[in-house]
Amino acid sequence: MIDLATFEQLVDEALESLPDEIAGWLDNVAIVIGEWPSPQQLAQVGLRSGDLLFGLYVGVPKTHRGFTYGESVPDKIVIFRQPILRYYRTPAQIRAQVRRTVLHEIGHHFGLDEAQLRSAGM
């Protein structure tokens, strides 16, 4: 089992692997680790209790921000540790999925929807 500190390190590695031009565009977004999604978080994305959710973007995508956005609370990306650990077994699989999940949720931050992310292989 991968402990929380190691999992946090995997998330950090995924962020550090971003090209500078992508990392430079991340703003007003906190990336946090959650253990499990709540029933409300599952419902927000159309999932039911028992479904696996690896990550969640909560906020206003950059493509939808207006001049009043500066008054908003920071966006948040949540990477859910337990669903990833439940589905993936080896350290290499877990590392790869954490990276995919971070990139996927960052894609939402930049305004991409599920169909666009899936067609990009994310």
PDB file of N, CA and C in Angstrom:
ATOM      1  N   MET A   1       0.852  -1.188   0.000  1.00  0.00           N
ATOM      2  CA  MET A   1       0.000   0.000   0.000  1.00  0.00           C
ATOM      3  C   MET A   1       0.889   1.240   0.000  1.00  0.00           C
ATOM      4  N   ILE A   2       0.533   2.167  -0.801  1.00  0.00           N
ATOM      5  CA  ILE A   2       1.274   3.426  -0.882  1.00  0.00           C
ATOM      6  C   ILE A   2       0.702   4.383   0.167  1.00  0.00           C
ATOM      7  N   ASP A   3       1.567   4.879   1.027  1.00  0.00           N
ATOM      8  CA  ASP A   3       1.095   5.780   2.073  1.00  0.00           C
ATOM      9  C   ASP A   3       0.843   7.179   1.501  1.00  0.00           C
ATOM     10  N   LEU A   4       0.248   8.025   2.330  1.00  0.00           N
ATOM     11  CA  LEU A   4      -0.140   9.362   1.891  1.00  0.00           C
ATOM     12  C   LEU A   4       1.062  10.176   1.428  1.00  0.00           C
ATOM     13  N   ALA A   5       2.162  10.127   2.148  1.00  0.00           N
ATOM     14  CA  ALA A   5       3.342  10.917   1.778  1.00  0.00           C
ATOM     15  C   ALA A   5       3.875  10.495   0.409  1.00  0.00           C
ATOM     16  N   THR A   6       3.898   9.208   0.141  1.00  0.00           N
ATOM     17  CA  THR A   6       4.364   8.726  -1.155  1.00  0.00           C
ATOM     18  C   THR A   6       3.396   9.141  -2.254  1.00  0.00           C
ATOM     19  N   PHE A   7       2.108   9.052  -1.968  1.00  0.00           N
ATOM     20  CA  PHE A   7       1.103   9.460  -2.947  1.00  0.00           C
ATOM     21  C   PHE A   7       1.246  10.955  -3.259  1.00  0.00           C
ATOM     22  N   GLU A   8       1.447  11.769  -2.227  1.00  0.00           N
ATOM     23  CA  GLU A   8       1.668  13.208  -2.438  1.00  0.00           C
ATOM     24  C   GLU A   8       2.879  13.433  -3.336  1.00  0.00           C
ATOM     25  N   GLN A   9       3.913  12.645  -3.136  1.00  0.00           N
ATOM     26  CA  GLN A   9       5.109  12.761  -3.956  1.00  0.00           C
ATOM     27  C   GLN A   9       4.792  12.428  -5.424  1.00  0.00           C
ATOM     28  N   LEU A  10       3.941  11.444  -5.661  1.00  0.00           N
ATOM     29  CA  LEU A  10       3.557  11.101  -7.031  1.00  0.00           C
ATOM     30  C   LEU A  10       2.800  12.251  -7.697  1.00  0.00           C
ATOM     31  N   VAL A  11       1.932  12.905  -6.938  1.00  0.00           N
ATOM     32  CA  VAL A  11       1.212  14.069  -7.471  1.00  0.00           C
ATOM     33  C   VAL A  11       2.215  15.184  -7.791  1.00  0.00           C
ATOM     34  N   ASP A  12       3.157  15.426  -6.884  1.00  0.00           N
ATOM     35  CA  ASP A  12       4.184  16.442  -7.127  1.00  0.00           C
ATOM     36  C   ASP A  12       5.001  16.118  -8.371  1.00  0.00           C
ATOM     37  N   GLU A  13       5.369  14.850  -8.543  1.00  0.00           N
ATOM     38  CA  GLU A  13       6.119  14.437  -9.731  1.00  0.00           C
ATOM     39  C   GLU A  13       5.331  14.724 -11.001  1.00  0.00           C
ATOM     40  N   ALA A  14       4.037  14.447 -10.969  1.00  0.00           N
ATOM     41  CA  ALA A  14       3.195  14.706 -12.139  1.00  0.00           C
ATOM     42  C   ALA A  14       3.180  16.195 -12.464  1.00  0.00           C
ATOM     43  N   LEU A  15       3.084  17.025 -11.442  1.00  0.00           N
ATOM     44  CA  LEU A  15       3.081  18.475 -11.664  1.00  0.00           C
ATOM     45  C   LEU A  15       4.434  18.969 -12.173  1.00  0.00           C
ATOM     46  N   GLU A  16       5.508  18.420 -11.618  1.00  0.00           N
ATOM     47  CA  GLU A  16       6.847  18.826 -12.042  1.00  0.00           C
ATOM     48  C   GLU A  16       7.151  18.384 -13.463  1.00  0.00           C
ATOM     49  N   SER A  17       6.438  17.384 -13.968  1.00  0.00           N
ATOM     50  CA  SER A  17       6.676  16.899 -15.326  1.00  0.00           C
ATOM     51  C   SER A  17       6.002  17.760 -16.391  1.00  0.00           C
ATOM     52  N   LEU A  18       5.177  18.706 -15.951  1.00  0.00           N
ATOM     53  CA  LEU A  18       4.493  19.572 -16.906  1.00  0.00           C
ATOM     54  C   LEU A  18       5.491  20.473 -17.622  1.00  0.00           C
ATOM     55  N   PRO A  19       5.300  20.677 -18.916  1.00  0.00           N
ATOM     56  CA  PRO A  19       6.137  21.657 -19.609  1.00  0.00           C
ATOM     57  C   PRO A  19       5.955  23.040 -18.977  1.00  0.00           C
ATOM     58  N   ASP A  20       6.992  23.847 -19.009  1.00  0.00           N
ATOM     59  CA  ASP A  20       6.941  25.172 -18.383  1.00  0.00           C
ATOM     60  C   ASP A  20       5.776  26.015 -18.894  1.00  0.00           C
ATOM     61  N   GLU A  21       5.497  25.915 -20.197  1.00  0.00           N
ATOM     62  CA  GLU A  21       4.418  26.745 -20.742  1.00  0.00           C
ATOM     63  C   GLU A  21       3.048  26.322 -20.208  1.00  0.00           C
ATOM     64  N   ILE A  22       2.868  25.046 -19.888  1.00  0.00           N
ATOM     65  CA  ILE A  22       1.602  24.599 -19.285  1.00  0.00           C
ATOM     66  C   ILE A  22       1.570  24.990 -17.808  1.00  0.00           C
ATOM     67  N   ALA A  23       2.632  24.700 -17.094  1.00  0.00           N
ATOM     68  CA  ALA A  23       2.694  25.026 -15.666  1.00  0.00           C
ATOM     69  C   ALA A  23       2.498  26.524 -15.443  1.00  0.00           C
ATOM     70  N   GLY A  24       3.019  27.330 -16.340  1.00  0.00           N
ATOM     71  CA  GLY A  24       2.883  28.777 -16.213  1.00  0.00           C
ATOM     72  C   GLY A  24       1.460  29.278 -16.372  1.00  0.00           C
ATOM     73  N   TRP A  25       0.616  28.482 -17.001  1.00  0.00           N
ATOM     74  CA  TRP A  25      -0.778  28.867 -17.199  1.00  0.00           C
ATOM     75  C   TRP A  25      -1.680  28.433 -16.052  1.00  0.00           C
ATOM     76  N   LEU A  26      -1.163  27.605 -15.171  1.00  0.00           N
ATOM     77  CA  LEU A  26      -1.961  27.213 -14.006  1.00  0.00           C
ATOM     78  C   LEU A  26      -2.023  28.397 -13.048  1.00  0.00           C
ATOM     79  N   ASP A  27      -3.209  28.859 -12.755  1.00  0.00           N
ATOM     80  CA  ASP A  27      -3.310  29.937 -11.780  1.00  0.00           C
ATOM     81  C   ASP A  27      -4.618  29.827 -11.014  1.00  0.00           C
ATOM     82  N   ASN A  28      -4.546  30.232  -9.782  1.00  0.00           N
ATOM     83  CA  ASN A  28      -5.683  30.229  -8.878  1.00  0.00           C
ATOM     84  C   ASN A  28      -6.326  28.846  -8.785  1.00  0.00           C
ATOM     85  N   VAL A  29      -5.473  27.820  -8.717  1.00  0.00           N
ATOM     86  CA  VAL A  29      -5.974  26.457  -8.580  1.00  0.00           C
ATOM     87  C   VAL A  29      -5.137  25.714  -7.539  1.00  0.00           C
ATOM     88  N   ALA A  30      -5.804  25.097  -6.589  1.00  0.00           N
ATOM     89  CA  ALA A  30      -5.139  24.296  -5.567  1.00  0.00           C
ATOM     90  C   ALA A  30      -5.290  22.833  -5.950  1.00  0.00           C
ATOM     91  N   ILE A  31      -4.221  22.080  -5.823  1.00  0.00           N
ATOM     92  CA  ILE A  31      -4.270  20.649  -6.105  1.00  0.00           C
ATOM     93  C   ILE A  31      -4.104  19.925  -4.775  1.00  0.00           C
ATOM     94  N   VAL A  32      -5.144  19.176  -4.415  1.00  0.00           N
ATOM     95  CA  VAL A  32      -5.180  18.521  -3.108  1.00  0.00           C
ATOM     96  C   VAL A  32      -5.462  17.038  -3.284  1.00  0.00           C
ATOM     97  N   ILE A  33      -5.205  16.286  -2.236  1.00  0.00           N
ATOM     98  CA  ILE A  33      -5.463  14.855  -2.239  1.00  0.00           C
ATOM     99  C   ILE A  33      -6.625  14.582  -1.301  1.00  0.00           C
ATOM    100  N   GLY A  34      -7.568  13.814  -1.802  1.00  0.00           N
ATOM    101  CA  GLY A  34      -8.685  13.347  -0.992  1.00  0.00           C
ATOM    102  C   GLY A  34      -8.596  11.836  -0.886  1.00  0.00           C
ATOM    103  N   GLU A  35      -9.184  11.283   0.126  1.00  0.00           N
ATOM    104  CA  GLU A  35      -9.176   9.831   0.264  1.00  0.00           C
ATOM    105  C   GLU A  35     -10.235   9.194  -0.638  1.00  0.00           C
ATOM    106  N   TRP A  36     -11.479   9.594  -0.465  1.00  0.00           N
ATOM    107  CA  TRP A  36     -12.597   9.070  -1.249  1.00  0.00           C
ATOM    108  C   TRP A  36     -13.481  10.241  -1.668  1.00  0.00           C
ATOM    109  N   PRO A  37     -14.117  10.161  -2.829  1.00  0.00           N
ATOM    110  CA  PRO A  37     -15.091  11.200  -3.173  1.00  0.00           C
ATOM    111  C   PRO A  37     -16.351  11.047  -2.331  1.00  0.00           C
ATOM    112  N   SER A  38     -16.969  12.161  -2.033  1.00  0.00           N
ATOM    113  CA  SER A  38     -18.225  12.145  -1.283  1.00  0.00           C
ATOM    114  C   SER A  38     -19.365  11.773  -2.233  1.00  0.00           C
ATOM    115  N   PRO A  39     -20.518  11.394  -1.681  1.00  0.00           N
ATOM    116  CA  PRO A  39     -21.677  11.137  -2.546  1.00  0.00           C
ATOM    117  C   PRO A  39     -22.036  12.357  -3.407  1.00  0.00           C
ATOM    118  N   GLN A  40     -21.863  13.554  -2.853  1.00  0.00           N
ATOM    119  CA  GLN A  40     -22.163  14.765  -3.612  1.00  0.00           C
ATOM    120  C   GLN A  40     -21.176  14.944  -4.778  1.00  0.00           C
ATOM    121  N   GLN A  41     -19.904  14.642  -4.537  1.00  0.00           N
ATOM    122  CA  GLN A  41     -18.906  14.751  -5.602  1.00  0.00           C
ATOM    123  C   GLN A  41     -19.181  13.731  -6.701  1.00  0.00           C
ATOM    124  N   LEU A  42     -19.556  12.509  -6.331  1.00  0.00           N
ATOM    125  CA  LEU A  42     -19.909  11.504  -7.333  1.00  0.00           C
ATOM    126  C   LEU A  42     -21.110  11.965  -8.156  1.00  0.00           C
ATOM    127  N   ALA A  43     -22.132  12.469  -7.474  1.00  0.00           N
ATOM    128  CA  ALA A  43     -23.337  12.929  -8.166  1.00  0.00           C
ATOM    129  C   ALA A  43     -23.032  14.095  -9.095  1.00  0.00           C
ATOM    130  N   GLN A  44     -22.102  14.942  -8.706  1.00  0.00           N
ATOM    131  CA  GLN A  44     -21.728  16.116  -9.511  1.00  0.00           C
ATOM    132  C   GLN A  44     -21.266  15.706 -10.914  1.00  0.00           C
ATOM    133  N   VAL A  45     -20.641  14.543 -11.019  1.00  0.00           N
ATOM    134  CA  VAL A  45     -20.148  14.078 -12.319  1.00  0.00           C
ATOM    135  C   VAL A  45     -20.987  12.928 -12.879  1.00  0.00           C
ATOM    136  N   GLY A  46     -22.159  12.694 -12.291  1.00  0.00           N
ATOM    137  CA  GLY A  46     -23.076  11.696 -12.814  1.00  0.00           C
ATOM    138  C   GLY A  46     -22.750  10.264 -12.435  1.00  0.00           C
ATOM    139  N   LEU A  47     -22.023  10.067 -11.346  1.00  0.00           N
ATOM    140  CA  LEU A  47     -21.693   8.723 -10.880  1.00  0.00           C
ATOM    141  C   LEU A  47     -22.528   8.380  -9.650  1.00  0.00           C
ATOM    142  N   ARG A  48     -22.600   7.083  -9.364  1.00  0.00           N
ATOM    143  CA  ARG A  48     -23.351   6.612  -8.201  1.00  0.00           C
ATOM    144  C   ARG A  48     -22.393   6.102  -7.142  1.00  0.00           C
ATOM    145  N   SER A  49     -22.918   5.904  -5.959  1.00  0.00           N
ATOM    146  CA  SER A  49     -22.138   5.319  -4.871  1.00  0.00           C
ATOM    147  C   SER A  49     -21.559   3.990  -5.330  1.00  0.00           C
ATOM    148  N   GLY A  50     -20.284   3.779  -5.055  1.00  0.00           N
ATOM    149  CA  GLY A  50     -19.614   2.561  -5.472  1.00  0.00           C
ATOM    150  C   GLY A  50     -18.833   2.715  -6.768  1.00  0.00           C
ATOM    151  N   ASP A  51     -19.168   3.744  -7.574  1.00  0.00           N
ATOM    152  CA  ASP A  51     -18.397   4.013  -8.784  1.00  0.00           C
ATOM    153  C   ASP A  51     -17.052   4.608  -8.389  1.00  0.00           C
ATOM    154  N   LEU A  52     -16.047   4.384  -9.222  1.00  0.00           N
ATOM    155  CA  LEU A  52     -14.717   4.922  -8.947  1.00  0.00           C
ATOM    156  C   LEU A  52     -14.532   6.273  -9.624  1.00  0.00           C
ATOM    157  N   LEU A  53     -14.035   7.222  -8.867  1.00  0.00           N
ATOM    158  CA  LEU A  53     -13.686   8.537  -9.384  1.00  0.00           C
ATOM    159  C   LEU A  53     -12.258   8.816  -8.931  1.00  0.00           C
ATOM    160  N   PHE A  54     -11.373   9.036  -9.883  1.00  0.00           N
ATOM    161  CA  PHE A  54      -9.958   9.235  -9.569  1.00  0.00           C
ATOM    162  C   PHE A  54      -9.603  10.697  -9.315  1.00  0.00           C
ATOM    163  N   GLY A  55     -10.327  11.617  -9.923  1.00  0.00           N
ATOM    164  CA  GLY A  55     -10.025  13.025  -9.749  1.00  0.00           C
ATOM    165  C   GLY A  55     -11.240  13.877 -10.047  1.00  0.00           C
ATOM    166  N   LEU A  56     -11.196  15.121  -9.578  1.00  0.00           N
ATOM    167  CA  LEU A  56     -12.320  16.031  -9.770  1.00  0.00           C
ATOM    168  C   LEU A  56     -11.796  17.466  -9.849  1.00  0.00           C
ATOM    169  N   TYR A  57     -12.288  18.185 -10.849  1.00  0.00           N
ATOM    170  CA  TYR A  57     -11.988  19.615 -10.969  1.00  0.00           C
ATOM    171  C   TYR A  57     -13.205  20.386 -10.493  1.00  0.00           C
ATOM    172  N   VAL A  58     -12.995  21.314  -9.585  1.00  0.00           N
ATOM    173  CA  VAL A  58     -14.066  22.152  -9.059  1.00  0.00           C
ATOM    174  C   VAL A  58     -13.644  23.598  -9.278  1.00  0.00           C
ATOM    175  N   GLY A  59     -14.395  24.306 -10.095  1.00  0.00           N
ATOM    176  CA  GLY A  59     -14.049  25.695 -10.320  1.00  0.00           C
ATOM    177  C   GLY A  59     -14.582  26.208 -11.637  1.00  0.00           C
ATOM    178  N   VAL A  60     -13.995  27.301 -12.071  1.00  0.00           N
ATOM    179  CA  VAL A  60     -14.374  27.945 -13.323  1.00  0.00           C
ATOM    180  C   VAL A  60     -13.223  27.770 -14.297  1.00  0.00           C
ATOM    181  N   PRO A  61     -13.451  27.006 -15.380  1.00  0.00           N
ATOM    182  CA  PRO A  61     -12.369  26.825 -16.348  1.00  0.00           C
ATOM    183  C   PRO A  61     -11.871  28.172 -16.878  1.00  0.00           C
ATOM    184  N   LYS A  62     -10.606  28.201 -17.230  1.00  0.00           N
ATOM    185  CA  LYS A  62     -10.002  29.443 -17.709  1.00  0.00           C
ATOM    186  C   LYS A  62     -10.752  30.028 -18.900  1.00  0.00           C
ATOM    187  N   THR A  63     -11.339  29.179 -19.724  1.00  0.00           N
ATOM    188  CA  THR A  63     -12.053  29.649 -20.913  1.00  0.00           C
ATOM    189  C   THR A  63     -13.399  30.292 -20.589  1.00  0.00           C
ATOM    190  N   HIS A  64     -13.853  30.181 -19.329  1.00  0.00           N
ATOM    191  CA  HIS A  64     -15.143  30.753 -18.926  1.00  0.00           C
ATOM    192  C   HIS A  64     -15.013  31.877 -17.906  1.00  0.00           C
ATOM    193  N   ARG A  65     -13.809  32.286 -17.646  1.00  0.00           N
ATOM    194  CA  ARG A  65     -13.610  33.326 -16.630  1.00  0.00           C
ATOM    195  C   ARG A  65     -13.855  34.710 -17.221  1.00  0.00           C
ATOM    196  N   GLY A  66     -14.624  35.492 -16.491  1.00  0.00           N
ATOM    197  CA  GLY A  66     -14.889  36.865 -16.896  1.00  0.00           C
ATOM    198  C   GLY A  66     -14.134  37.842 -16.016  1.00  0.00           C
ATOM    199  N   PHE A  67     -14.435  39.100 -16.173  1.00  0.00           N
ATOM    200  CA  PHE A  67     -13.710  40.128 -15.423  1.00  0.00           C
ATOM    201  C   PHE A  67     -13.986  40.077 -13.926  1.00  0.00           C
ATOM    202  N   THR A  68     -15.069  39.427 -13.488  1.00  0.00           N
ATOM    203  CA  THR A  68     -15.360  39.326 -12.054  1.00  0.00           C
ATOM    204  C   THR A  68     -14.750  38.074 -11.433  1.00  0.00           C
ATOM    205  N   TYR A  69     -14.029  37.274 -12.224  1.00  0.00           N
ATOM    206  CA  TYR A  69     -13.483  36.035 -11.697  1.00  0.00           C
ATOM    207  C   TYR A  69     -12.534  36.276 -10.527  1.00  0.00           C
ATOM    208  N   GLY A  70     -11.817  37.370 -10.501  1.00  0.00           N
ATOM    209  CA  GLY A  70     -10.852  37.656  -9.441  1.00  0.00           C
ATOM    210  C   GLY A  70     -11.461  37.645  -8.048  1.00  0.00           C
ATOM    211  N   GLU A  71     -12.778  37.751  -7.970  1.00  0.00           N
ATOM    212  CA  GLU A  71     -13.453  37.742  -6.680  1.00  0.00           C
ATOM    213  C   GLU A  71     -13.826  36.328  -6.246  1.00  0.00           C
ATOM    214  N   SER A  72     -13.481  35.328  -7.044  1.00  0.00           N
ATOM    215  CA  SER A  72     -13.849  33.942  -6.763  1.00  0.00           C
ATOM    216  C   SER A  72     -12.812  33.261  -5.879  1.00  0.00           C
ATOM    217  N   VAL A  73     -13.275  32.234  -5.170  1.00  0.00           N
ATOM    218  CA  VAL A  73     -12.341  31.405  -4.406  1.00  0.00           C
ATOM    219  C   VAL A  73     -11.505  30.607  -5.403  1.00  0.00           C
ATOM    220  N   PRO A  74     -10.340  30.147  -4.985  1.00  0.00           N
ATOM    221  CA  PRO A  74      -9.504  29.384  -5.925  1.00  0.00           C
ATOM    222  C   PRO A  74     -10.201  28.106  -6.402  1.00  0.00           C
ATOM    223  N   ASP A  75      -9.902  27.738  -7.638  1.00  0.00           N
ATOM    224  CA  ASP A  75     -10.357  26.456  -8.156  1.00  0.00           C
ATOM    225  C   ASP A  75      -9.639  25.359  -7.380  1.00  0.00           C
ATOM    226  N   LYS A  76     -10.153  24.139  -7.513  1.00  0.00           N
ATOM    227  CA  LYS A  76      -9.537  23.029  -6.794  1.00  0.00           C
ATOM    228  C   LYS A  76      -9.549  21.789  -7.679  1.00  0.00           C
ATOM    229  N   ILE A  77      -8.431  21.094  -7.687  1.00  0.00           N
ATOM    230  CA  ILE A  77      -8.329  19.779  -8.290  1.00  0.00           C
ATOM    231  C   ILE A  77      -8.105  18.806  -7.141  1.00  0.00           C
ATOM    232  N   VAL A  78      -8.972  17.805  -7.060  1.00  0.00           N
ATOM    233  CA  VAL A  78      -8.838  16.781  -6.022  1.00  0.00           C
ATOM    234  C   VAL A  78      -8.430  15.481  -6.702  1.00  0.00           C
ATOM    235  N   ILE A  79      -7.350  14.892  -6.222  1.00  0.00           N
ATOM    236  CA  ILE A  79      -6.907  13.579  -6.675  1.00  0.00           C
ATOM    237  C   ILE A  79      -7.267  12.599  -5.560  1.00  0.00           C
ATOM    238  N   PHE A  80      -8.116  11.620  -5.874  1.00  0.00           N
ATOM    239  CA  PHE A  80      -8.612  10.696  -4.861  1.00  0.00           C
ATOM    240  C   PHE A  80      -7.692   9.474  -4.764  1.00  0.00           C
ATOM    241  N   ARG A  81      -7.086   9.325  -3.615  1.00  0.00           N
ATOM    242  CA  ARG A  81      -6.074   8.294  -3.396  1.00  0.00           C
ATOM    243  C   ARG A  81      -6.651   6.878  -3.362  1.00  0.00           C
ATOM    244  N   GLN A  82      -7.671   6.661  -2.581  1.00  0.00           N
ATOM    245  CA  GLN A  82      -8.165   5.301  -2.378  1.00  0.00           C
ATOM    246  C   GLN A  82      -8.720   4.653  -3.656  1.00  0.00           C
ATOM    247  N   PRO A  83      -9.500   5.352  -4.479  1.00  0.00           N
ATOM    248  CA  PRO A  83      -9.947   4.706  -5.719  1.00  0.00           C
ATOM    249  C   PRO A  83      -8.784   4.292  -6.627  1.00  0.00           C
ATOM    250  N   ILE A  84      -7.758   5.112  -6.705  1.00  0.00           N
ATOM    251  CA  ILE A  84      -6.596   4.759  -7.526  1.00  0.00           C
ATOM    252  C   ILE A  84      -5.902   3.537  -6.945  1.00  0.00           C
ATOM    253  N   LEU A  85      -5.719   3.512  -5.631  1.00  0.00           N
ATOM    254  CA  LEU A  85      -5.062   2.371  -5.001  1.00  0.00           C
ATOM    255  C   LEU A  85      -5.914   1.103  -5.077  1.00  0.00           C
ATOM    256  N   ARG A  86      -7.210   1.257  -5.109  1.00  0.00           N
ATOM    257  CA  ARG A  86      -8.090   0.092  -5.200  1.00  0.00           C
ATOM    258  C   ARG A  86      -8.023  -0.529  -6.598  1.00  0.00           C
ATOM    259  N   TYR A  87      -7.922   0.300  -7.626  1.00  0.00           N
ATOM    260  CA  TYR A  87      -7.980  -0.196  -8.993  1.00  0.00           C
ATOM    261  C   TYR A  87      -6.615  -0.615  -9.540  1.00  0.00           C
ATOM    262  N   TYR A  88      -5.563   0.089  -9.152  1.00  0.00           N
ATOM    263  CA  TYR A  88      -4.217  -0.192  -9.662  1.00  0.00           C
ATOM    264  C   TYR A  88      -3.378  -0.825  -8.565  1.00  0.00           C
ATOM    265  N   ARG A  89      -2.558  -1.790  -8.928  1.00  0.00           N
ATOM    266  CA  ARG A  89      -1.841  -2.587  -7.928  1.00  0.00           C
ATOM    267  C   ARG A  89      -0.357  -2.274  -7.816  1.00  0.00           C
ATOM    268  N   THR A  90       0.330  -2.130  -8.930  1.00  0.00           N
ATOM    269  CA  THR A  90       1.783  -1.979  -8.864  1.00  0.00           C
ATOM    270  C   THR A  90       2.164  -0.513  -8.737  1.00  0.00           C
ATOM    271  N   PRO A  91       3.326  -0.230  -8.166  1.00  0.00           N
ATOM    272  CA  PRO A  91       3.773   1.168  -8.076  1.00  0.00           C
ATOM    273  C   PRO A  91       3.822   1.859  -9.443  1.00  0.00           C
ATOM    274  N   ALA A  92       4.237   1.142 -10.481  1.00  0.00           N
ATOM    275  CA  ALA A  92       4.306   1.750 -11.817  1.00  0.00           C
ATOM    276  C   ALA A  92       2.907   2.093 -12.333  1.00  0.00           C
ATOM    277  N   GLN A  93       1.936   1.211 -12.108  1.00  0.00           N
ATOM    278  CA  GLN A  93       0.562   1.486 -12.537  1.00  0.00           C
ATOM    279  C   GLN A  93      -0.022   2.671 -11.777  1.00  0.00           C
ATOM    280  N   ILE A  94       0.247   2.710 -10.486  1.00  0.00           N
ATOM    281  CA  ILE A  94      -0.269   3.806  -9.656  1.00  0.00           C
ATOM    282  C   ILE A  94       0.352   5.127 -10.094  1.00  0.00           C
ATOM    283  N   ARG A  95       1.657   5.152 -10.296  1.00  0.00           N
ATOM    284  CA  ARG A  95       2.348   6.367 -10.753  1.00  0.00           C
ATOM    285  C   ARG A  95       1.757   6.855 -12.074  1.00  0.00           C
ATOM    286  N   ALA A  96       1.559   5.938 -13.009  1.00  0.00           N
ATOM    287  CA  ALA A  96       1.023   6.307 -14.324  1.00  0.00           C
ATOM    288  C   ALA A  96      -0.400   6.853 -14.200  1.00  0.00           C
ATOM    289  N   GLN A  97      -1.220   6.234 -13.355  1.00  0.00           N
ATOM    290  CA  GLN A  97      -2.598   6.708 -13.214  1.00  0.00           C
ATOM    291  C   GLN A  97      -2.659   8.049 -12.496  1.00  0.00           C
ATOM    292  N   VAL A  98      -1.827   8.251 -11.503  1.00  0.00           N
ATOM    293  CA  VAL A  98      -1.795   9.561 -10.841  1.00  0.00           C
ATOM    294  C   VAL A  98      -1.461  10.636 -11.871  1.00  0.00           C
ATOM    295  N   ARG A  99      -0.472  10.382 -12.705  1.00  0.00           N
ATOM    296  CA  ARG A  99      -0.090  11.365 -13.731  1.00  0.00           C
ATOM    297  C   ARG A  99      -1.242  11.610 -14.707  1.00  0.00           C
ATOM    298  N   ARG A 100      -1.876  10.524 -15.181  1.00  0.00           N
ATOM    299  CA  ARG A 100      -3.021  10.676 -16.095  1.00  0.00           C
ATOM    300  C   ARG A 100      -4.133  11.493 -15.451  1.00  0.00           C
ATOM    301  N   THR A 101      -4.404  11.204 -14.185  1.00  0.00           N
ATOM    302  CA  THR A 101      -5.486  11.900 -13.481  1.00  0.00           C
ATOM    303  C   THR A 101      -5.157  13.380 -13.310  1.00  0.00           C
ATOM    304  N   VAL A 102      -3.931  13.689 -12.912  1.00  0.00           N
ATOM    305  CA  VAL A 102      -3.527  15.093 -12.769  1.00  0.00           C
ATOM    306  C   VAL A 102      -3.670  15.806 -14.107  1.00  0.00           C
ATOM    307  N   LEU A 103      -3.165  15.214 -15.179  1.00  0.00           N
ATOM    308  CA  LEU A 103      -3.255  15.843 -16.501  1.00  0.00           C
ATOM    309  C   LEU A 103      -4.713  16.011 -16.940  1.00  0.00           C
ATOM    310  N   HIS A 104      -5.527  15.005 -16.682  1.00  0.00           N
ATOM    311  CA  HIS A 104      -6.944  15.064 -17.043  1.00  0.00           C
ATOM    312  C   HIS A 104      -7.633  16.240 -16.350  1.00  0.00           C
ATOM    313  N   GLU A 105      -7.415  16.368 -15.048  1.00  0.00           N
ATOM    314  CA  GLU A 105      -8.075  17.439 -14.294  1.00  0.00           C
ATOM    315  C   GLU A 105      -7.525  18.810 -14.677  1.00  0.00           C
ATOM    316  N   ILE A 106      -6.246  18.893 -14.986  1.00  0.00           N
ATOM    317  CA  ILE A 106      -5.688  20.153 -15.480  1.00  0.00           C
ATOM    318  C   ILE A 106      -6.339  20.511 -16.810  1.00  0.00           C
ATOM    319  N   GLY A 107      -6.621  19.494 -17.629  1.00  0.00           N
ATOM    320  CA  GLY A 107      -7.342  19.741 -18.873  1.00  0.00           C
ATOM    321  C   GLY A 107      -8.685  20.411 -18.627  1.00  0.00           C
ATOM    322  N   HIS A 108      -9.404  19.971 -17.597  1.00  0.00           N
ATOM    323  CA  HIS A 108     -10.667  20.631 -17.240  1.00  0.00           C
ATOM    324  C   HIS A 108     -10.414  22.078 -16.819  1.00  0.00           C
ATOM    325  N   HIS A 109      -9.341  22.320 -16.087  1.00  0.00           N
ATOM    326  CA  HIS A 109      -8.981  23.682 -15.671  1.00  0.00           C
ATOM    327  C   HIS A 109      -8.805  24.589 -16.898  1.00  0.00           C
ATOM    328  N   PHE A 110      -8.299  24.007 -17.980  1.00  0.00           N
ATOM    329  CA  PHE A 110      -8.086  24.771 -19.212  1.00  0.00           C
ATOM    330  C   PHE A 110      -9.311  24.776 -20.124  1.00  0.00           C
ATOM    331  N   GLY A 111     -10.427  24.194 -19.656  1.00  0.00           N
ATOM    332  CA  GLY A 111     -11.684  24.291 -20.390  1.00  0.00           C
ATOM    333  C   GLY A 111     -12.027  23.115 -21.272  1.00  0.00           C
ATOM    334  N   LEU A 112     -11.268  22.044 -21.226  1.00  0.00           N
ATOM    335  CA  LEU A 112     -11.578  20.874 -22.045  1.00  0.00           C
ATOM    336  C   LEU A 112     -12.663  20.033 -21.379  1.00  0.00           C
ATOM    337  N   ASP A 113     -13.574  19.494 -22.192  1.00  0.00           N
ATOM    338  CA  ASP A 113     -14.612  18.632 -21.631  1.00  0.00           C
ATOM    339  C   ASP A 113     -14.182  17.174 -21.731  1.00  0.00           C
ATOM    340  N   GLU A 114     -15.022  16.277 -21.226  1.00  0.00           N
ATOM    341  CA  GLU A 114     -14.668  14.853 -21.186  1.00  0.00           C
ATOM    342  C   GLU A 114     -14.372  14.296 -22.575  1.00  0.00           C
ATOM    343  N   ALA A 115     -15.198  14.637 -23.566  1.00  0.00           N
ATOM    344  CA  ALA A 115     -14.998  14.117 -24.917  1.00  0.00           C
ATOM    345  C   ALA A 115     -13.657  14.576 -25.484  1.00  0.00           C
ATOM    346  N   GLN A 116     -13.319  15.832 -25.280  1.00  0.00           N
ATOM    347  CA  GLN A 116     -12.041  16.353 -25.774  1.00  0.00           C
ATOM    348  C   GLN A 116     -10.863  15.669 -25.076  1.00  0.00           C
ATOM    349  N   LEU A 117     -10.972  15.466 -23.776  1.00  0.00           N
ATOM    350  CA  LEU A 117      -9.896  14.821 -23.035  1.00  0.00           C
ATOM    351  C   LEU A 117      -9.731  13.359 -23.452  1.00  0.00           C
ATOM    352  N   ARG A 118     -10.845  12.671 -23.651  1.00  0.00           N
ATOM    353  CA  ARG A 118     -10.757  11.268 -24.068  1.00  0.00           C
ATOM    354  C   ARG A 118     -10.175  11.146 -25.470  1.00  0.00           C
ATOM    355  N   SER A 119     -10.532  12.054 -26.365  1.00  0.00           N
ATOM    356  CA  SER A 119      -9.967  11.990 -27.716  1.00  0.00           C
ATOM    357  C   SER A 119      -8.482  12.316 -27.710  1.00  0.00           C
ATOM    358  N   ALA A 120      -8.035  13.028 -26.695  1.00  0.00           N
ATOM    359  CA  ALA A 120      -6.595  13.320 -26.552  1.00  0.00           C
ATOM    360  C   ALA A 120      -5.877  12.209 -25.784  1.00  0.00           C
ATOM    361  N   GLY A 121      -6.606  11.173 -25.396  1.00  0.00           N
ATOM    362  CA  GLY A 121      -6.004  10.052 -24.672  1.00  0.00           C
ATOM    363  C   GLY A 121      -5.815  10.293 -23.196  1.00  0.00           C
ATOM    364  N   MET A 122      -6.590  11.207 -22.640  1.00  0.00           N
ATOM    365  CA  MET A 122      -6.446  11.534 -21.216  1.00  0.00           C
ATOM    366  C   MET A 122      -7.696  11.121 -20.475  1.00  0.00           C
TER     367      MET A 122
END
